[in-house]
């Protein structure tokens, strides 16, 4: 059995991975760590876990928190993983970090990301960056293997946009200068911590765009699709918050390149994802939306061509707390322990 430690256990990402681990046949939760709710049972914080996981949450300085395990999930804000991952790796654990601390292999790449968040651009564990693997299996499956020790889980917006655009970039289906990412997320993307802007009266019946000056996930999107294309790509990216709990819908556009049409586009997307069990290609008549991926690790892509304007239109749907966070992290764990990629994740979700 894979012994697991969850750091940041009482947040949304923490409870998400706990829920998944409880039904995973090859894992056992050993330690739950948080700076909040220390001394409380996780089932007191989240009553739906009663009888399934009643472990007591410990603080980061508790001796139990330092006991070695096989796998550590850092479901923590930026800046935590970089200060603690090193000691976990030295103890022989594998680490998957949810934040942006290890999504970049260079100090320059991290600095660009951190500056967009208004954070200190200095990385406190720069020596670990070269070994970090960007944890998006659909693009980097060959790097996620038993030799992998450190994984930077991608951002939720980034996953939705990258999966929607990667085949277009790889096969040069569009004019790269024309790419637009119009992305909407539910309120849970802001995390569990209370903030005035996400108080119920402030969010009910209200939508808004934010970080128009430069969203931090753009760094990941541009790097990954540029890697697929073999040339530098810049995108126009608009992030928006909509009044629902969970889910991301990214509408992605690009002007078709010469000789491209609906048939060539559909073929390129199906070929690109033929070995990716969590990406489903849908046509314009499928009627899928965010509810159809809620609680799952799937990404549903409506792949369409607007013949009137000769534009590619891809509508990408994910659950921001699953494929955008805990589900994707578990998918990465499966791969780096040599387990079937879908283990503990092959489920249809709930409807309505």
Protein backbone atom coordinates (compact mmCIF):
# COMPACT_ATOMS: atom_id res chain seq x y z
CA UNK A 1 0.00 0.00 0.00
CA UNK A 2 1.11 3.54 -0.76
CA UNK A 3 1.25 5.52 2.48
CA UNK A 4 -0.01 9.06 1.92
CA UNK A 5 0.34 12.38 3.71
CA UNK A 6 -1.93 15.31 2.82
CA UNK A 7 -0.66 18.79 3.69
CA UNK A 8 -3.44 21.35 3.63
CA UNK A 9 -6.00 18.68 4.41
CA UNK A 10 -8.81 20.97 5.54
CA UNK A 11 -9.05 23.01 2.32
CA UNK A 12 -11.05 22.17 -0.79
CA UNK A 13 -8.09 20.57 -2.51
CA UNK A 14 -7.27 18.60 0.60
CA UNK A 15 -10.73 17.16 1.11
CA UNK A 16 -10.89 16.46 -2.62
CA UNK A 17 -7.83 14.21 -2.56
CA UNK A 18 -9.00 12.57 0.67
CA UNK A 19 -12.31 11.65 -0.98
CA UNK A 20 -10.45 10.09 -3.90
CA UNK A 21 -7.88 8.26 -1.78
CA UNK A 22 -10.60 6.61 0.30
CA UNK A 23 -11.80 4.68 -2.74
CA UNK A 24 -8.34 4.04 -4.19
CA UNK A 25 -7.38 0.36 -3.75
CA UNK A 26 -3.62 0.95 -3.42
CA UNK A 27 -3.40 3.83 -0.94
CA UNK A 28 -3.70 4.40 2.80
CA UNK A 29 -3.98 7.85 4.35
CA UNK A 30 -1.44 8.12 7.16
CA UNK A 31 -1.27 11.79 8.10
CA UNK A 32 -3.47 14.85 7.63
CA UNK A 33 -1.75 18.20 8.19
CA UNK A 34 -3.11 21.74 8.22
CA UNK A 35 -2.54 25.11 9.86
CA UNK A 36 -6.29 25.31 10.54
CA UNK A 37 -8.51 22.89 12.45
CA UNK A 38 -5.53 21.30 14.23
CA UNK A 39 -6.71 18.74 16.78
CA UNK A 40 -10.07 18.23 15.08
CA UNK A 41 -11.10 15.12 13.23
CA UNK A 42 -11.38 15.69 9.51
CA UNK A 43 -14.92 14.28 9.74
CA UNK A 44 -15.81 17.10 12.16
CA UNK A 45 -14.65 19.62 9.56
CA UNK A 46 -16.35 17.72 6.74
CA UNK A 47 -19.20 15.64 8.24
CA UNK A 48 -19.78 13.68 5.02
CA UNK A 49 -16.49 11.86 5.79
CA UNK A 50 -17.78 10.47 9.10
CA UNK A 51 -17.08 6.76 9.29
CA UNK A 52 -14.90 6.93 6.19
CA UNK A 53 -12.06 9.08 7.49
CA UNK A 54 -12.02 10.21 11.12
CA UNK A 55 -8.29 11.00 11.34
CA UNK A 56 -7.23 13.89 13.53
CA UNK A 57 -5.59 16.85 11.80
CA UNK A 58 -2.11 17.67 13.09
CA UNK A 59 0.01 20.79 12.78
CA UNK A 60 3.11 21.05 10.60
CA UNK A 61 5.38 20.90 13.69
CA UNK A 62 3.76 17.81 15.16
CA UNK A 63 6.12 14.78 15.30
CA UNK A 64 3.55 12.76 13.35
CA UNK A 65 3.82 15.29 10.52
CA UNK A 66 7.49 14.37 10.10
CA UNK A 67 6.96 10.63 9.83
CA UNK A 68 8.09 9.32 6.42
CA UNK A 69 5.50 8.22 3.87
CA UNK A 70 5.53 7.22 0.20
CA UNK A 71 3.48 10.10 -1.23
CA UNK A 72 2.93 13.68 -0.08
CA UNK A 73 0.25 15.92 -1.56
CA UNK A 74 0.79 19.62 -0.88
CA UNK A 75 -2.71 21.06 -1.21
CA UNK A 76 -1.36 24.42 -0.12
CA UNK A 77 -1.02 28.02 -1.33
CA UNK A 78 2.02 29.28 -3.21
CA UNK A 79 5.13 29.40 -1.08
CA UNK A 80 4.44 26.42 1.18
CA UNK A 81 5.67 23.59 -1.00
CA UNK A 82 8.97 25.25 -1.84
CA UNK A 83 9.76 25.52 1.89
CA UNK A 84 8.85 21.94 2.82
CA UNK A 85 9.15 19.71 -0.26
CA UNK A 86 12.90 19.32 0.14
CA UNK A 87 12.68 17.60 3.50
CA UNK A 88 9.96 15.25 2.21
CA UNK A 89 12.07 14.32 -0.80
CA UNK A 90 15.09 13.76 1.44
CA UNK A 91 12.99 11.37 3.53
CA UNK A 92 12.27 9.33 0.40
CA UNK A 93 8.76 10.57 -0.34
CA UNK A 94 7.40 11.54 -3.73
CA UNK A 95 5.77 14.98 -3.82
CA UNK A 96 2.91 16.46 -5.81
CA UNK A 97 2.37 20.18 -5.22
CA UNK A 98 -0.91 21.87 -6.16
CA UNK A 99 0.51 25.39 -6.22
CA UNK A 100 2.69 27.14 -8.75
CA UNK A 101 5.87 26.45 -6.79
CA UNK A 102 7.04 23.61 -9.06
CA UNK A 103 5.27 24.22 -12.36
CA UNK A 104 8.43 25.75 -13.79
CA UNK A 105 11.92 24.33 -14.29
CA UNK A 106 13.79 27.64 -14.16
CA UNK A 107 13.98 30.53 -11.75
CA UNK A 108 13.08 32.88 -14.60
CA UNK A 109 9.93 30.93 -15.40
CA UNK A 110 8.87 30.96 -11.77
CA UNK A 111 9.65 34.66 -11.41
CA UNK A 112 7.33 35.55 -14.31
CA UNK A 113 4.53 33.59 -12.66
CA UNK A 114 5.16 34.99 -9.17
CA UNK A 115 5.27 38.58 -10.41
CA UNK A 116 1.74 38.19 -11.82
CA UNK A 117 0.59 37.26 -8.33
CA UNK A 118 2.45 40.11 -6.70
CA UNK A 119 4.65 37.62 -4.83
CA UNK A 120 8.38 37.63 -4.14
CA UNK A 121 9.96 36.37 -7.36
CA UNK A 122 12.76 34.53 -5.53
CA UNK A 123 12.24 30.77 -5.33
CA UNK A 124 13.32 29.30 -1.98
CA UNK A 125 14.08 25.87 -3.42
CA UNK A 126 15.51 26.76 -6.82
CA UNK A 127 17.75 23.70 -6.73
CA UNK A 128 14.65 21.49 -6.98
CA UNK A 129 13.18 23.18 -10.06
CA UNK A 130 15.17 21.23 -12.69
CA UNK A 131 13.78 17.91 -11.46
CA UNK A 132 10.14 19.03 -11.30
CA UNK A 133 7.76 17.56 -13.89
CA UNK A 134 4.76 19.51 -15.13
CA UNK A 135 1.94 17.19 -14.18
CA UNK A 136 -0.29 17.14 -17.23
CA UNK A 137 -0.28 13.51 -18.32
CA UNK A 138 -1.98 14.18 -21.64
CA UNK A 139 1.15 16.06 -22.77
CA UNK A 140 3.90 14.66 -20.53
CA UNK A 141 2.95 11.08 -19.78
CA UNK A 142 6.42 9.80 -20.66
CA UNK A 143 7.97 11.99 -17.95
CA UNK A 144 5.55 10.78 -15.28
CA UNK A 145 7.06 7.45 -14.29
CA UNK A 146 8.60 5.57 -11.37
CA UNK A 147 11.73 7.74 -11.52
CA UNK A 148 9.70 10.92 -11.00
CA UNK A 149 9.95 12.37 -7.51
CA UNK A 150 8.52 15.88 -7.78
CA UNK A 151 5.44 17.00 -9.72
CA UNK A 152 3.99 20.47 -10.14
CA UNK A 153 0.24 20.06 -10.59
CA UNK A 154 -0.99 22.54 -13.24
CA UNK A 155 -3.39 25.39 -12.62
CA UNK A 156 -7.06 24.69 -13.27
CA UNK A 157 -7.54 27.36 -15.95
CA UNK A 158 -4.29 26.20 -17.54
CA UNK A 159 -5.47 22.60 -17.81
CA UNK A 160 -8.74 23.56 -19.47
CA UNK A 161 -7.05 25.84 -22.00
CA UNK A 162 -4.02 23.67 -22.73
CA UNK A 163 -6.09 20.55 -23.38
CA UNK A 164 -8.35 22.56 -25.65
CA UNK A 165 -5.51 24.11 -27.66
CA UNK A 166 -2.70 21.52 -27.71
CA UNK A 167 -3.83 19.64 -30.85
CA UNK A 168 -4.37 22.92 -32.71
CA UNK A 169 -0.86 24.01 -31.79
CA UNK A 170 0.73 20.62 -32.56
CA UNK A 171 -0.83 20.36 -36.02
CA UNK A 172 -0.71 24.08 -36.84
CA UNK A 173 -4.45 24.18 -37.38
CA UNK A 174 -4.77 27.90 -36.69
CA UNK A 175 -3.01 31.22 -37.10
CA UNK A 176 -1.15 31.34 -33.79
CA UNK A 177 -1.51 35.12 -33.52
CA UNK A 178 -5.30 34.79 -33.44
CA UNK A 179 -5.77 32.58 -30.35
CA UNK A 180 -8.28 33.78 -27.76
CA UNK A 181 -9.05 32.07 -24.44
CA UNK A 182 -12.36 33.12 -22.88
CA UNK A 183 -12.47 31.24 -19.55
CA UNK A 184 -15.12 31.08 -16.82
CA UNK A 185 -14.79 29.44 -13.40
CA UNK A 186 -16.96 28.68 -10.42
CA UNK A 187 -16.42 30.35 -7.05
CA UNK A 188 -14.70 27.35 -5.43
CA UNK A 189 -11.65 28.21 -7.55
CA UNK A 190 -10.90 30.93 -5.02
CA UNK A 191 -10.46 28.33 -2.28
CA UNK A 192 -12.07 27.84 1.13
CA UNK A 193 -10.65 30.89 2.89
CA UNK A 194 -13.29 33.59 3.43
CA UNK A 195 -12.90 36.73 1.31
CA UNK A 196 -15.26 39.67 0.96
CA UNK A 197 -15.27 39.40 -2.83
CA UNK A 198 -16.52 35.82 -2.62
CA UNK A 199 -19.13 36.33 0.08
CA UNK A 200 -22.55 35.07 -1.07
CA UNK A 201 -24.16 38.53 -1.57
CA UNK A 202 -21.15 39.61 -3.63
CA UNK A 203 -21.31 36.60 -5.94
CA UNK A 204 -25.00 35.80 -6.30
CA UNK A 205 -26.35 36.90 -9.68
CA UNK A 206 -22.98 38.45 -10.56
CA UNK A 207 -20.22 37.74 -13.10
CA UNK A 208 -16.95 39.60 -13.59
CA UNK A 209 -13.64 39.41 -15.42
CA UNK A 210 -10.45 39.82 -13.43
CA UNK A 211 -6.65 40.05 -13.72
CA UNK A 212 -6.92 41.54 -17.19
CA UNK A 213 -3.38 42.83 -16.78
CA UNK A 214 -2.01 39.29 -16.84
CA UNK A 215 -3.37 36.12 -15.26
CA UNK A 216 -0.76 33.83 -13.73
CA UNK A 217 -1.98 30.75 -15.61
CA UNK A 218 -1.16 32.37 -18.94
CA UNK A 219 2.49 31.49 -18.27
CA UNK A 220 1.62 27.79 -18.32
CA UNK A 221 -0.72 28.00 -21.30
CA UNK A 222 1.75 29.83 -23.52
CA UNK A 223 4.67 27.62 -22.55
CA UNK A 224 2.82 24.36 -23.13
CA UNK A 225 1.17 25.20 -26.44
CA UNK A 226 4.38 26.82 -27.68
CA UNK A 227 6.14 23.56 -26.91
CA UNK A 228 3.60 21.70 -29.00
CA UNK A 229 3.87 24.17 -31.87
CA UNK A 230 7.63 24.44 -31.89
CA UNK A 231 7.43 28.22 -31.87
CA UNK A 232 6.49 30.98 -29.45
CA UNK A 233 2.76 31.64 -29.06
CA UNK A 234 1.04 34.40 -27.14
CA UNK A 235 -2.67 34.29 -26.35
CA UNK A 236 -5.36 36.74 -25.34
CA UNK A 237 -6.68 35.30 -22.07
CA UNK A 238 -9.72 36.53 -20.16
CA UNK A 239 -10.55 34.94 -16.80
CA UNK A 240 -14.05 35.34 -15.40
CA UNK A 241 -15.88 34.25 -12.24
CA UNK A 242 -19.48 33.08 -12.62
CA UNK A 243 -22.06 32.37 -9.88
CA UNK A 244 -21.76 28.61 -9.54
CA UNK A 245 -19.83 26.41 -7.13
CA UNK A 246 -17.52 24.31 -9.29
CA UNK A 247 -16.58 23.90 -12.92
CA UNK A 248 -14.64 25.66 -15.67
CA UNK A 249 -15.78 26.36 -19.21
CA UNK A 250 -13.12 27.72 -21.55
CA UNK A 251 -14.16 28.92 -24.98
CA UNK A 252 -11.06 28.86 -27.19
CA UNK A 253 -10.83 30.45 -30.62
CA UNK A 254 -8.37 30.69 -33.49
CA UNK A 255 -8.54 31.54 -37.19
CA UNK A 256 -8.13 28.39 -39.27
CA UNK A 257 -4.93 27.96 -41.24
CA UNK A 258 -4.82 27.29 -45.00
CA UNK A 259 -6.33 23.96 -46.01
CA UNK A 260 -7.97 23.29 -42.65
CA UNK A 261 -11.64 22.44 -42.24
CA UNK A 262 -14.00 20.72 -39.84
CA UNK A 263 -12.93 17.24 -40.97
CA UNK A 264 -9.17 17.83 -40.62
CA UNK A 265 -9.69 19.50 -37.24
CA UNK A 266 -11.80 16.65 -35.85
CA UNK A 267 -9.30 14.07 -37.08
CA UNK A 268 -6.38 15.94 -35.49
CA UNK A 269 -8.09 16.16 -32.11
CA UNK A 270 -9.18 12.53 -32.03
CA UNK A 271 -5.72 11.35 -33.03
CA UNK A 272 -4.00 13.56 -30.45
CA UNK A 273 -6.11 12.22 -27.57
CA UNK A 274 -6.58 8.62 -28.69
CA UNK A 275 -4.54 7.35 -25.72
CA UNK A 276 -5.87 9.85 -23.16
CA UNK A 277 -8.67 8.20 -21.18
CA UNK A 278 -9.85 11.40 -19.52
CA UNK A 279 -10.30 13.55 -22.63
CA UNK A 280 -13.56 13.14 -24.54
CA UNK A 281 -14.08 14.75 -27.94
CA UNK A 282 -17.62 15.95 -28.62
CA UNK A 283 -19.27 17.62 -31.60
CA UNK A 284 -21.37 20.77 -31.69
CA UNK A 285 -24.63 18.83 -31.20
CA UNK A 286 -23.56 16.97 -28.07
CA UNK A 287 -25.06 19.44 -25.59
CA UNK A 288 -22.42 18.82 -22.92
CA UNK A 289 -21.66 21.35 -20.22
CA UNK A 290 -19.96 21.68 -16.85
CA UNK A 291 -22.50 19.48 -15.06
CA UNK A 292 -21.40 16.53 -17.19
CA UNK A 293 -17.87 16.59 -15.76
CA UNK A 294 -18.77 17.57 -12.19
CA UNK A 295 -17.07 15.27 -9.70
CA UNK A 296 -14.98 13.61 -12.42
CA UNK A 297 -11.47 13.77 -13.84
CA UNK A 298 -12.77 14.14 -17.39
CA UNK A 299 -12.23 17.01 -19.79
CA UNK A 300 -15.02 17.26 -22.36
CA UNK A 301 -14.00 19.14 -25.50
CA UNK A 302 -16.57 20.37 -27.99
CA UNK A 303 -14.51 20.72 -31.16
CA UNK A 304 -16.17 22.81 -33.83
CA UNK A 305 -15.46 24.98 -36.84
CA UNK A 306 -17.45 28.12 -37.60
CA UNK A 307 -17.52 27.87 -41.38
CA UNK A 308 -18.94 31.38 -41.77
CA UNK A 309 -15.90 33.01 -40.15
CA UNK A 310 -13.40 30.18 -40.76
CA UNK A 311 -12.55 29.94 -37.07
CA UNK A 312 -11.81 27.01 -34.82
CA UNK A 313 -14.01 26.97 -31.74
CA UNK A 314 -13.21 24.61 -28.88
CA UNK A 315 -15.31 24.58 -25.70
CA UNK A 316 -13.42 22.89 -22.86
CA UNK A 317 -15.22 21.69 -19.71
CA UNK A 318 -13.56 20.47 -16.51
CA UNK A 319 -14.36 20.31 -12.81
CA UNK A 320 -11.86 22.79 -11.36
CA UNK A 321 -11.57 20.77 -8.13
CA UNK A 322 -11.06 17.44 -9.93
CA UNK A 323 -9.34 17.52 -13.33
CA UNK A 324 -8.29 21.03 -12.32
CA UNK A 325 -6.83 19.88 -9.00
CA UNK A 326 -7.25 16.69 -6.90
CA UNK A 327 -8.27 14.32 -9.71
CA UNK A 328 -5.36 15.37 -11.88
CA UNK A 329 -3.03 14.99 -8.90
CA UNK A 330 -4.22 11.43 -8.32
CA UNK A 331 -3.79 10.68 -12.03
CA UNK A 332 -0.19 11.84 -11.66
CA UNK A 333 0.30 9.71 -8.55
CA UNK A 334 -0.94 6.63 -10.40
CA UNK A 335 1.57 7.16 -13.17
CA UNK A 336 4.59 7.81 -10.96
CA UNK A 337 3.86 4.65 -8.99
CA UNK A 338 3.36 2.56 -12.12
CA UNK A 339 -0.36 2.04 -11.53
CA UNK A 340 -3.14 2.18 -14.14
CA UNK A 341 -3.74 5.83 -14.96
CA UNK A 342 -7.47 5.60 -14.29
CA UNK A 343 -7.28 3.81 -10.92
CA UNK A 344 -9.61 5.46 -8.41
CA UNK A 345 -10.80 7.94 -11.05
CA UNK A 346 -12.86 5.96 -13.56
CA UNK A 347 -16.32 7.11 -12.53
CA UNK A 348 -19.12 9.02 -14.26
CA UNK A 349 -19.79 11.74 -11.68
CA UNK A 350 -23.28 12.74 -10.57
CA UNK A 351 -26.29 14.20 -12.36
CA UNK A 352 -28.08 16.55 -12.08
